[in-house]
Amino acid sequence: MAEFVRIAGTGDMKAGSGMVAEVNGQAIALFNVDGTFYAIDNTCVHRGGPLGEGELTGDTVACPWHGWEYNVKDGKCSTSPSACVKTYEVKVEGQDVKVLL
């Protein structure tokens, strides 16, 4: 059964940044886009790069290995439109950022 799991605190990351968190054995990339949090799989579908370590511009993250770009809101890849990464529902409770796993 899916449940919301704490992944970070709201003060752990500035707007316009990302981070990687290991939750229940899964690597999740979490991004702060102007105070709204989004979570996607951390693994780029191209060559497995760590998306949470990529550069975030607006709502697009670029994989640090080869530059493939993904929209953090819907997981769609603009570099290869047929590719996408899984997205996770995110909610904020107090100072906790939680993802549905």
PDB file of N, CA and C in Angstrom:
ATOM      1  N   MET A   1       0.826  -1.177   0.000  1.00  0.00           N
ATOM      2  CA  MET A   1       0.000   0.000   0.000  1.00  0.00           C
ATOM      3  C   MET A   1       0.876   1.249   0.000  1.00  0.00           C
ATOM      4  N   ALA A   2       0.571   2.188  -0.870  1.00  0.00           N
ATOM      5  CA  ALA A   2       1.358   3.417  -0.984  1.00  0.00           C
ATOM      6  C   ALA A   2       1.123   4.316   0.228  1.00  0.00           C
ATOM      7  N   GLU A   3       2.179   5.015   0.618  1.00  0.00           N
ATOM      8  CA  GLU A   3       2.076   5.953   1.726  1.00  0.00           C
ATOM      9  C   GLU A   3       3.043   7.102   1.494  1.00  0.00           C
ATOM     10  N   PHE A   4       2.755   8.251   2.107  1.00  0.00           N
ATOM     11  CA  PHE A   4       3.652   9.396   2.015  1.00  0.00           C
ATOM     12  C   PHE A   4       4.805   9.196   2.990  1.00  0.00           C
ATOM     13  N   VAL A   5       6.021   9.391   2.489  1.00  0.00           N
ATOM     14  CA  VAL A   5       7.234   9.204   3.270  1.00  0.00           C
ATOM     15  C   VAL A   5       8.033  10.506   3.250  1.00  0.00           C
ATOM     16  N   ARG A   6       8.534  10.911   4.398  1.00  0.00           N
ATOM     17  CA  ARG A   6       9.344  12.139   4.478  1.00  0.00           C
ATOM     18  C   ARG A   6      10.626  11.952   3.675  1.00  0.00           C
ATOM     19  N   ILE A   7      10.905  12.937   2.834  1.00  0.00           N
ATOM     20  CA  ILE A   7      12.098  12.869   1.998  1.00  0.00           C
ATOM     21  C   ILE A   7      13.095  13.982   2.346  1.00  0.00           C
ATOM     22  N   ALA A   8      12.571  15.111   2.868  1.00  0.00           N
ATOM     23  CA  ALA A   8      13.427  16.249   3.210  1.00  0.00           C
ATOM     24  C   ALA A   8      12.625  17.233   4.043  1.00  0.00           C
ATOM     25  N   GLY A   9      13.317  18.251   4.498  1.00  0.00           N
ATOM     26  CA  GLY A   9      12.656  19.371   5.162  1.00  0.00           C
ATOM     27  C   GLY A   9      12.566  20.530   4.188  1.00  0.00           C
ATOM     28  N   THR A  10      11.567  21.386   4.357  1.00  0.00           N
ATOM     29  CA  THR A  10      11.403  22.501   3.437  1.00  0.00           C
ATOM     30  C   THR A  10      12.609  23.442   3.441  1.00  0.00           C
ATOM     31  N   GLY A  11      13.329  23.500   4.541  1.00  0.00           N
ATOM     32  CA  GLY A  11      14.507  24.359   4.633  1.00  0.00           C
ATOM     33  C   GLY A  11      15.788  23.708   4.135  1.00  0.00           C
ATOM     34  N   ASP A  12      15.705  22.456   3.677  1.00  0.00           N
ATOM     35  CA  ASP A  12      16.901  21.733   3.245  1.00  0.00           C
ATOM     36  C   ASP A  12      17.419  22.181   1.885  1.00  0.00           C
ATOM     37  N   MET A  13      16.573  22.848   1.101  1.00  0.00           N
ATOM     38  CA  MET A  13      17.005  23.249  -0.238  1.00  0.00           C
ATOM     39  C   MET A  13      16.403  24.585  -0.635  1.00  0.00           C
ATOM     40  N   LYS A  14      17.193  25.391  -1.312  1.00  0.00           N
ATOM     41  CA  LYS A  14      16.751  26.694  -1.786  1.00  0.00           C
ATOM     42  C   LYS A  14      15.937  26.533  -3.059  1.00  0.00           C
ATOM     43  N   ALA A  15      15.120  27.532  -3.357  1.00  0.00           N
ATOM     44  CA  ALA A  15      14.399  27.549  -4.630  1.00  0.00           C
ATOM     45  C   ALA A  15      15.414  27.495  -5.772  1.00  0.00           C
ATOM     46  N   GLY A  16      15.096  26.713  -6.804  1.00  0.00           N
ATOM     47  CA  GLY A  16      15.982  26.575  -7.954  1.00  0.00           C
ATOM     48  C   GLY A  16      17.057  25.516  -7.780  1.00  0.00           C
ATOM     49  N   SER A  17      16.882  24.648  -6.779  1.00  0.00           N
ATOM     50  CA  SER A  17      17.889  23.615  -6.543  1.00  0.00           C
ATOM     51  C   SER A  17      17.256  22.231  -6.499  1.00  0.00           C
ATOM     52  N   GLY A  18      18.125  21.232  -6.531  1.00  0.00           N
ATOM     53  CA  GLY A  18      17.688  19.847  -6.452  1.00  0.00           C
ATOM     54  C   GLY A  18      18.571  19.077  -5.495  1.00  0.00           C
ATOM     55  N   MET A  19      18.120  17.874  -5.159  1.00  0.00           N
ATOM     56  CA  MET A  19      18.904  17.009  -4.291  1.00  0.00           C
ATOM     57  C   MET A  19      18.479  15.565  -4.549  1.00  0.00           C
ATOM     58  N   VAL A  20      19.293  14.646  -4.085  1.00  0.00           N
ATOM     59  CA  VAL A  20      18.989  13.223  -4.205  1.00  0.00           C
ATOM     60  C   VAL A  20      18.733  12.678  -2.809  1.00  0.00           C
ATOM     61  N   ALA A  21      17.690  11.869  -2.687  1.00  0.00           N
ATOM     62  CA  ALA A  21      17.386  11.218  -1.414  1.00  0.00           C
ATOM     63  C   ALA A  21      17.130   9.741  -1.672  1.00  0.00           C
ATOM     64  N   GLU A  22      17.603   8.920  -0.768  1.00  0.00           N
ATOM     65  CA  GLU A  22      17.366   7.477  -0.828  1.00  0.00           C
ATOM     66  C   GLU A  22      16.193   7.178   0.093  1.00  0.00           C
ATOM     67  N   VAL A  23      15.110   6.669  -0.483  1.00  0.00           N
ATOM     68  CA  VAL A  23      13.907   6.396   0.290  1.00  0.00           C
ATOM     69  C   VAL A  23      13.433   4.984  -0.033  1.00  0.00           C
ATOM     70  N   ASN A  24      13.367   4.141   0.989  1.00  0.00           N
ATOM     71  CA  ASN A  24      12.927   2.752   0.807  1.00  0.00           C
ATOM     72  C   ASN A  24      13.667   2.057  -0.338  1.00  0.00           C
ATOM     73  N   GLY A  25      14.969   2.308  -0.430  1.00  0.00           N
ATOM     74  CA  GLY A  25      15.786   1.669  -1.461  1.00  0.00           C
ATOM     75  C   GLY A  25      15.682   2.299  -2.830  1.00  0.00           C
ATOM     76  N   GLN A  26      14.961   3.410  -2.962  1.00  0.00           N
ATOM     77  CA  GLN A  26      14.812   4.088  -4.239  1.00  0.00           C
ATOM     78  C   GLN A  26      15.540   5.424  -4.193  1.00  0.00           C
ATOM     79  N   ALA A  27      16.248   5.756  -5.281  1.00  0.00           N
ATOM     80  CA  ALA A  27      16.891   7.060  -5.402  1.00  0.00           C
ATOM     81  C   ALA A  27      15.885   8.018  -6.045  1.00  0.00           C
ATOM     82  N   ILE A  28      15.512   9.058  -5.300  1.00  0.00           N
ATOM     83  CA  ILE A  28      14.526  10.030  -5.742  1.00  0.00           C
ATOM     84  C   ILE A  28      15.223  11.384  -5.895  1.00  0.00           C
ATOM     85  N   ALA A  29      14.950  12.074  -7.007  1.00  0.00           N
ATOM     86  CA  ALA A  29      15.448  13.430  -7.208  1.00  0.00           C
ATOM     87  C   ALA A  29      14.338  14.392  -6.797  1.00  0.00           C
ATOM     88  N   LEU A  30      14.647  15.295  -5.884  1.00  0.00           N
ATOM     89  CA  LEU A  30      13.681  16.262  -5.388  1.00  0.00           C
ATOM     90  C   LEU A  30      14.131  17.649  -5.821  1.00  0.00           C
ATOM     91  N   PHE A  31      13.174  18.457  -6.315  1.00  0.00           N
ATOM     92  CA  PHE A  31      13.486  19.790  -6.804  1.00  0.00           C
ATOM     93  C   PHE A  31      12.568  20.821  -6.176  1.00  0.00           C
ATOM     94  N   ASN A  32      13.118  22.006  -5.937  1.00  0.00           N
ATOM     95  CA  ASN A  32      12.365  23.140  -5.431  1.00  0.00           C
ATOM     96  C   ASN A  32      12.255  24.154  -6.562  1.00  0.00           C
ATOM     97  N   VAL A  33      11.051  24.266  -7.150  1.00  0.00           N
ATOM     98  CA  VAL A  33      10.807  25.224  -8.224  1.00  0.00           C
ATOM     99  C   VAL A  33       9.972  26.352  -7.637  1.00  0.00           C
ATOM    100  N   ASP A  34      10.635  27.449  -7.316  1.00  0.00           N
ATOM    101  CA  ASP A  34       9.964  28.622  -6.756  1.00  0.00           C
ATOM    102  C   ASP A  34       9.090  28.286  -5.547  1.00  0.00           C
ATOM    103  N   GLY A  35       9.586  27.415  -4.683  1.00  0.00           N
ATOM    104  CA  GLY A  35       8.872  27.073  -3.455  1.00  0.00           C
ATOM    105  C   GLY A  35       7.915  25.895  -3.566  1.00  0.00           C
ATOM    106  N   THR A  36       7.752  25.355  -4.774  1.00  0.00           N
ATOM    107  CA  THR A  36       6.939  24.161  -4.977  1.00  0.00           C
ATOM    108  C   THR A  36       7.872  22.988  -5.220  1.00  0.00           C
ATOM    109  N   PHE A  37       7.613  21.875  -4.559  1.00  0.00           N
ATOM    110  CA  PHE A  37       8.493  20.718  -4.641  1.00  0.00           C
ATOM    111  C   PHE A  37       7.969  19.678  -5.624  1.00  0.00           C
ATOM    112  N   TYR A  38       8.903  19.097  -6.388  1.00  0.00           N
ATOM    113  CA  TYR A  38       8.590  18.047  -7.364  1.00  0.00           C
ATOM    114  C   TYR A  38       9.598  16.915  -7.185  1.00  0.00           C
ATOM    115  N   ALA A  39       9.138  15.681  -7.390  1.00  0.00           N
ATOM    116  CA  ALA A  39      10.017  14.520  -7.245  1.00  0.00           C
ATOM    117  C   ALA A  39       9.893  13.627  -8.473  1.00  0.00           C
ATOM    118  N   ILE A  40      11.054  13.173  -8.958  1.00  0.00           N
ATOM    119  CA  ILE A  40      11.130  12.260 -10.099  1.00  0.00           C
ATOM    120  C   ILE A  40      12.166  11.182  -9.782  1.00  0.00           C
ATOM    121  N   ASP A  41      12.173  10.122 -10.598  1.00  0.00           N
ATOM    122  CA  ASP A  41      13.247   9.135 -10.480  1.00  0.00           C
ATOM    123  C   ASP A  41      14.572   9.850 -10.670  1.00  0.00           C
ATOM    124  N   ASN A  42      15.570   9.434  -9.954  1.00  0.00           N
ATOM    125  CA  ASN A  42      16.879  10.066 -10.046  1.00  0.00           C
ATOM    126  C   ASN A  42      17.670   9.614 -11.261  1.00  0.00           C
ATOM    127  N   THR A  43      17.241   8.571 -11.944  1.00  0.00           N
ATOM    128  CA  THR A  43      18.046   7.961 -13.004  1.00  0.00           C
ATOM    129  C   THR A  43      17.618   8.409 -14.394  1.00  0.00           C
ATOM    130  N   CYS A  44      18.525   9.043 -15.118  1.00  0.00           N
ATOM    131  CA  CYS A  44      18.290   9.454 -16.505  1.00  0.00           C
ATOM    132  C   CYS A  44      18.137   8.206 -17.374  1.00  0.00           C
ATOM    133  N   VAL A  45      17.146   8.210 -18.259  1.00  0.00           N
ATOM    134  CA  VAL A  45      16.915   7.037 -19.103  1.00  0.00           C
ATOM    135  C   VAL A  45      17.975   6.871 -20.187  1.00  0.00           C
ATOM    136  N   HIS A  46      18.764   7.904 -20.444  1.00  0.00           N
ATOM    137  CA  HIS A  46      19.796   7.828 -21.482  1.00  0.00           C
ATOM    138  C   HIS A  46      20.946   6.916 -21.076  1.00  0.00           C
ATOM    139  N   ARG A  47      21.641   7.271 -20.006  1.00  0.00           N
ATOM    140  CA  ARG A  47      22.790   6.487 -19.556  1.00  0.00           C
ATOM    141  C   ARG A  47      22.872   6.346 -18.043  1.00  0.00           C
ATOM    142  N   GLY A  48      21.755   6.610 -17.362  1.00  0.00           N
ATOM    143  CA  GLY A  48      21.715   6.383 -15.915  1.00  0.00           C
ATOM    144  C   GLY A  48      22.278   7.489 -15.057  1.00  0.00           C
ATOM    145  N   GLY A  49      22.445   8.676 -15.601  1.00  0.00           N
ATOM    146  CA  GLY A  49      22.990   9.789 -14.827  1.00  0.00           C
ATOM    147  C   GLY A  49      22.086  10.196 -13.678  1.00  0.00           C
ATOM    148  N   PRO A  50      22.665  10.843 -12.650  1.00  0.00           N
ATOM    149  CA  PRO A  50      21.914  11.247 -11.459  1.00  0.00           C
ATOM    150  C   PRO A  50      21.206  12.590 -11.659  1.00  0.00           C
ATOM    151  N   LEU A  51      19.933  12.568 -11.977  1.00  0.00           N
ATOM    152  CA  LEU A  51      19.193  13.793 -12.292  1.00  0.00           C
ATOM    153  C   LEU A  51      19.161  14.788 -11.139  1.00  0.00           C
ATOM    154  N   GLY A  52      19.135  14.303  -9.925  1.00  0.00           N
ATOM    155  CA  GLY A  52      19.100  15.190  -8.769  1.00  0.00           C
ATOM    156  C   GLY A  52      20.357  16.019  -8.605  1.00  0.00           C
ATOM    157  N   GLU A  53      21.410  15.671  -9.332  1.00  0.00           N
ATOM    158  CA  GLU A  53      22.655  16.430  -9.299  1.00  0.00           C
ATOM    159  C   GLU A  53      22.773  17.366 -10.494  1.00  0.00           C
ATOM    160  N   GLY A  54      21.740  17.371 -11.340  1.00  0.00           N
ATOM    161  CA  GLY A  54      21.763  18.203 -12.535  1.00  0.00           C
ATOM    162  C   GLY A  54      21.396  19.648 -12.249  1.00  0.00           C
ATOM    163  N   GLU A  55      21.607  20.494 -13.260  1.00  0.00           N
ATOM    164  CA  GLU A  55      21.292  21.910 -13.137  1.00  0.00           C
ATOM    165  C   GLU A  55      19.819  22.140 -13.451  1.00  0.00           C
ATOM    166  N   LEU A  56      19.138  22.839 -12.547  1.00  0.00           N
ATOM    167  CA  LEU A  56      17.722  23.136 -12.691  1.00  0.00           C
ATOM    168  C   LEU A  56      17.571  24.551 -13.234  1.00  0.00           C
ATOM    169  N   THR A  57      16.848  24.665 -14.355  1.00  0.00           N
ATOM    170  CA  THR A  57      16.532  25.965 -14.944  1.00  0.00           C
ATOM    171  C   THR A  57      15.023  26.018 -15.105  1.00  0.00           C
ATOM    172  N   GLY A  58      14.384  26.871 -14.313  1.00  0.00           N
ATOM    173  CA  GLY A  58      12.920  26.894 -14.316  1.00  0.00           C
ATOM    174  C   GLY A  58      12.414  25.555 -13.806  1.00  0.00           C
ATOM    175  N   ASP A  59      11.620  24.850 -14.650  1.00  0.00           N
ATOM    176  CA  ASP A  59      11.125  23.527 -14.250  1.00  0.00           C
ATOM    177  C   ASP A  59      11.789  22.403 -15.047  1.00  0.00           C
ATOM    178  N   THR A  60      12.980  22.690 -15.592  1.00  0.00           N
ATOM    179  CA  THR A  60      13.712  21.711 -16.393  1.00  0.00           C
ATOM    180  C   THR A  60      15.060  21.403 -15.753  1.00  0.00           C
ATOM    181  N   VAL A  61      15.346  20.102 -15.620  1.00  0.00           N
ATOM    182  CA  VAL A  61      16.642  19.682 -15.103  1.00  0.00           C
ATOM    183  C   VAL A  61      17.432  19.046 -16.236  1.00  0.00           C
ATOM    184  N   ALA A  62      18.725  19.364 -16.289  1.00  0.00           N
ATOM    185  CA  ALA A  62      19.625  18.778 -17.286  1.00  0.00           C
ATOM    186  C   ALA A  62      20.489  17.727 -16.599  1.00  0.00           C
ATOM    187  N   CYS A  63      20.503  16.525 -17.152  1.00  0.00           N
ATOM    188  CA  CYS A  63      21.339  15.460 -16.596  1.00  0.00           C
ATOM    189  C   CYS A  63      22.796  15.912 -16.625  1.00  0.00           C
ATOM    190  N   PRO A  64      23.514  15.751 -15.515  1.00  0.00           N
ATOM    191  CA  PRO A  64      24.902  16.209 -15.462  1.00  0.00           C
ATOM    192  C   PRO A  64      25.863  15.394 -16.332  1.00  0.00           C
ATOM    193  N   TRP A  65      25.460  14.215 -16.786  1.00  0.00           N
ATOM    194  CA  TRP A  65      26.366  13.397 -17.589  1.00  0.00           C
ATOM    195  C   TRP A  65      26.352  13.761 -19.068  1.00  0.00           C
ATOM    196  N   HIS A  66      25.182  13.862 -19.680  1.00  0.00           N
ATOM    197  CA  HIS A  66      25.106  14.088 -21.126  1.00  0.00           C
ATOM    198  C   HIS A  66      24.123  15.169 -21.532  1.00  0.00           C
ATOM    199  N   GLY A  67      23.531  15.861 -20.553  1.00  0.00           N
ATOM    200  CA  GLY A  67      22.701  17.015 -20.842  1.00  0.00           C
ATOM    201  C   GLY A  67      21.261  16.756 -21.247  1.00  0.00           C
ATOM    202  N   TRP A  68      20.793  15.508 -21.165  1.00  0.00           N
ATOM    203  CA  TRP A  68      19.384  15.256 -21.484  1.00  0.00           C
ATOM    204  C   TRP A  68      18.531  16.059 -20.514  1.00  0.00           C
ATOM    205  N   GLU A  69      17.460  16.678 -21.023  1.00  0.00           N
ATOM    206  CA  GLU A  69      16.632  17.559 -20.215  1.00  0.00           C
ATOM    207  C   GLU A  69      15.254  16.963 -19.947  1.00  0.00           C
ATOM    208  N   TYR A  70      14.804  17.136 -18.698  1.00  0.00           N
ATOM    209  CA  TYR A  70      13.515  16.614 -18.246  1.00  0.00           C
ATOM    210  C   TYR A  70      12.736  17.706 -17.537  1.00  0.00           C
ATOM    211  N   ASN A  71      11.424  17.725 -17.746  1.00  0.00           N
ATOM    212  CA  ASN A  71      10.542  18.604 -17.000  1.00  0.00           C
ATOM    213  C   ASN A  71      10.271  17.917 -15.662  1.00  0.00           C
ATOM    214  N   VAL A  72      10.578  18.599 -14.572  1.00  0.00           N
ATOM    215  CA  VAL A  72      10.425  17.968 -13.253  1.00  0.00           C
ATOM    216  C   VAL A  72       8.967  17.854 -12.828  1.00  0.00           C
ATOM    217  N   LYS A  73       8.058  18.570 -13.514  1.00  0.00           N
ATOM    218  CA  LYS A  73       6.631  18.502 -13.168  1.00  0.00           C
ATOM    219  C   LYS A  73       5.970  17.253 -13.727  1.00  0.00           C
ATOM    220  N   ASP A  74       6.344  16.854 -14.944  1.00  0.00           N
ATOM    221  CA  ASP A  74       5.676  15.708 -15.576  1.00  0.00           C
ATOM    222  C   ASP A  74       6.622  14.585 -16.005  1.00  0.00           C
ATOM    223  N   GLY A  75       7.943  14.764 -15.838  1.00  0.00           N
ATOM    224  CA  GLY A  75       8.915  13.726 -16.157  1.00  0.00           C
ATOM    225  C   GLY A  75       9.244  13.577 -17.625  1.00  0.00           C
ATOM    226  N   LYS A  76       8.642  14.402 -18.490  1.00  0.00           N
ATOM    227  CA  LYS A  76       8.872  14.269 -19.931  1.00  0.00           C
ATOM    228  C   LYS A  76      10.248  14.800 -20.319  1.00  0.00           C
ATOM    229  N   CYS A  77      10.864  14.089 -21.244  1.00  0.00           N
ATOM    230  CA  CYS A  77      12.198  14.431 -21.723  1.00  0.00           C
ATOM    231  C   CYS A  77      12.074  15.263 -22.999  1.00  0.00           C
ATOM    232  N   SER A  78      12.618  16.467 -22.988  1.00  0.00           N
ATOM    233  CA  SER A  78      12.568  17.312 -24.185  1.00  0.00           C
ATOM    234  C   SER A  78      13.661  16.935 -25.182  1.00  0.00           C
ATOM    235  N   THR A  79      14.704  16.260 -24.723  1.00  0.00           N
ATOM    236  CA  THR A  79      15.784  15.829 -25.603  1.00  0.00           C
ATOM    237  C   THR A  79      15.333  14.685 -26.494  1.00  0.00           C
ATOM    238  N   SER A  80      14.576  13.767 -25.925  1.00  0.00           N
ATOM    239  CA  SER A  80      14.026  12.623 -26.650  1.00  0.00           C
ATOM    240  C   SER A  80      12.557  12.493 -26.248  1.00  0.00           C
ATOM    241  N   PRO A  81      11.643  13.088 -27.023  1.00  0.00           N
ATOM    242  CA  PRO A  81      10.233  13.150 -26.634  1.00  0.00           C
ATOM    243  C   PRO A  81       9.562  11.817 -26.311  1.00  0.00           C
ATOM    244  N   SER A  82      10.108  10.707 -26.771  1.00  0.00           N
ATOM    245  CA  SER A  82       9.503   9.416 -26.449  1.00  0.00           C
ATOM    246  C   SER A  82       9.942   8.904 -25.072  1.00  0.00           C
ATOM    247  N   ALA A  83      10.881   9.593 -24.436  1.00  0.00           N
ATOM    248  CA  ALA A  83      11.414   9.162 -23.138  1.00  0.00           C
ATOM    249  C   ALA A  83      10.789   9.973 -22.004  1.00  0.00           C
ATOM    250  N   CYS A  84      10.716   9.351 -20.837  1.00  0.00           N
ATOM    251  CA  CYS A  84      10.264  10.063 -19.644  1.00  0.00           C
ATOM    252  C   CYS A  84      10.740   9.301 -18.413  1.00  0.00           C
ATOM    253  N   VAL A  85      10.713   9.990 -17.280  1.00  0.00           N
ATOM    254  CA  VAL A  85      11.032   9.364 -15.999  1.00  0.00           C
ATOM    255  C   VAL A  85       9.789   9.417 -15.126  1.00  0.00           C
ATOM    256  N   LYS A  86       9.735   8.526 -14.169  1.00  0.00           N
ATOM    257  CA  LYS A  86       8.595   8.451 -13.257  1.00  0.00           C
ATOM    258  C   LYS A  86       8.552   9.692 -12.378  1.00  0.00           C
ATOM    259  N   THR A  87       7.347  10.186 -12.145  1.00  0.00           N
ATOM    260  CA  THR A  87       7.140  11.285 -11.207  1.00  0.00           C
ATOM    261  C   THR A  87       6.463  10.741  -9.956  1.00  0.00           C
ATOM    262  N   TYR A  88       6.623  11.465  -8.869  1.00  0.00           N
ATOM    263  CA  TYR A  88       6.026  11.076  -7.598  1.00  0.00           C
ATOM    264  C   TYR A  88       5.183  12.224  -7.065  1.00  0.00           C
ATOM    265  N   GLU A  89       4.049  11.890  -6.474  1.00  0.00           N
ATOM    266  CA  GLU A  89       3.216  12.899  -5.839  1.00  0.00           C
ATOM    267  C   GLU A  89       3.945  13.411  -4.604  1.00  0.00           C
ATOM    268  N   VAL A  90       3.944  14.719  -4.435  1.00  0.00           N
ATOM    269  CA  VAL A  90       4.636  15.362  -3.323  1.00  0.00           C
ATOM    270  C   VAL A  90       3.637  16.192  -2.529  1.00  0.00           C
ATOM    271  N   LYS A  91       3.789  16.174  -1.203  1.00  0.00           N
ATOM    272  CA  LYS A  91       3.008  17.086  -0.372  1.00  0.00           C
ATOM    273  C   LYS A  91       3.902  17.610   0.742  1.00  0.00           C
ATOM    274  N   VAL A  92       3.560  18.796   1.206  1.00  0.00           N
ATOM    275  CA  VAL A  92       4.291  19.423   2.300  1.00  0.00           C
ATOM    276  C   VAL A  92       3.370  19.453   3.513  1.00  0.00           C
ATOM    277  N   GLU A  93       3.877  18.912   4.619  1.00  0.00           N
ATOM    278  CA  GLU A  93       3.150  18.931   5.895  1.00  0.00           C
ATOM    279  C   GLU A  93       4.058  19.632   6.899  1.00  0.00           C
ATOM    280  N   GLY A  94       3.667  20.838   7.271  1.00  0.00           N
ATOM    281  CA  GLY A  94       4.518  21.624   8.170  1.00  0.00           C
ATOM    282  C   GLY A  94       5.837  21.899   7.491  1.00  0.00           C
ATOM    283  N   GLN A  95       6.913  21.413   8.075  1.00  0.00           N
ATOM    284  CA  GLN A  95       8.254  21.595   7.505  1.00  0.00           C
ATOM    285  C   GLN A  95       8.753  20.344   6.769  1.00  0.00           C
ATOM    286  N   ASP A  96       7.899  19.324   6.637  1.00  0.00           N
ATOM    287  CA  ASP A  96       8.284  18.066   6.002  1.00  0.00           C
ATOM    288  C   ASP A  96       7.826  18.000   4.548  1.00  0.00           C
ATOM    289  N   VAL A  97       8.744  17.616   3.668  1.00  0.00           N
ATOM    290  CA  VAL A  97       8.408  17.338   2.271  1.00  0.00           C
ATOM    291  C   VAL A  97       8.283  15.826   2.164  1.00  0.00           C
ATOM    292  N   LYS A  98       7.114  15.363   1.699  1.00  0.00           N
ATOM    293  CA  LYS A  98       6.843  13.926   1.622  1.00  0.00           C
ATOM    294  C   LYS A  98       6.502  13.498   0.200  1.00  0.00           C
ATOM    295  N   VAL A  99       6.910  12.280  -0.152  1.00  0.00           N
ATOM    296  CA  VAL A  99       6.567  11.716  -1.457  1.00  0.00           C
ATOM    297  C   VAL A  99       5.723  10.467  -1.252  1.00  0.00           C
ATOM    298  N   LEU A 100       4.840  10.216  -2.219  1.00  0.00           N
ATOM    299  CA  LEU A 100       3.995   9.039  -2.163  1.00  0.00           C
ATOM    300  C   LEU A 100       4.727   7.871  -2.803  1.00  0.00           C
ATOM    301  N   LEU A 101       5.000   6.846  -1.984  1.00  0.00           N
ATOM    302  CA  LEU A 101       5.711   5.655  -2.480  1.00  0.00           C
ATOM    303  C   LEU A 101       4.849   4.429  -2.244  1.00  0.00           C
TER     304      LEU A 101
END
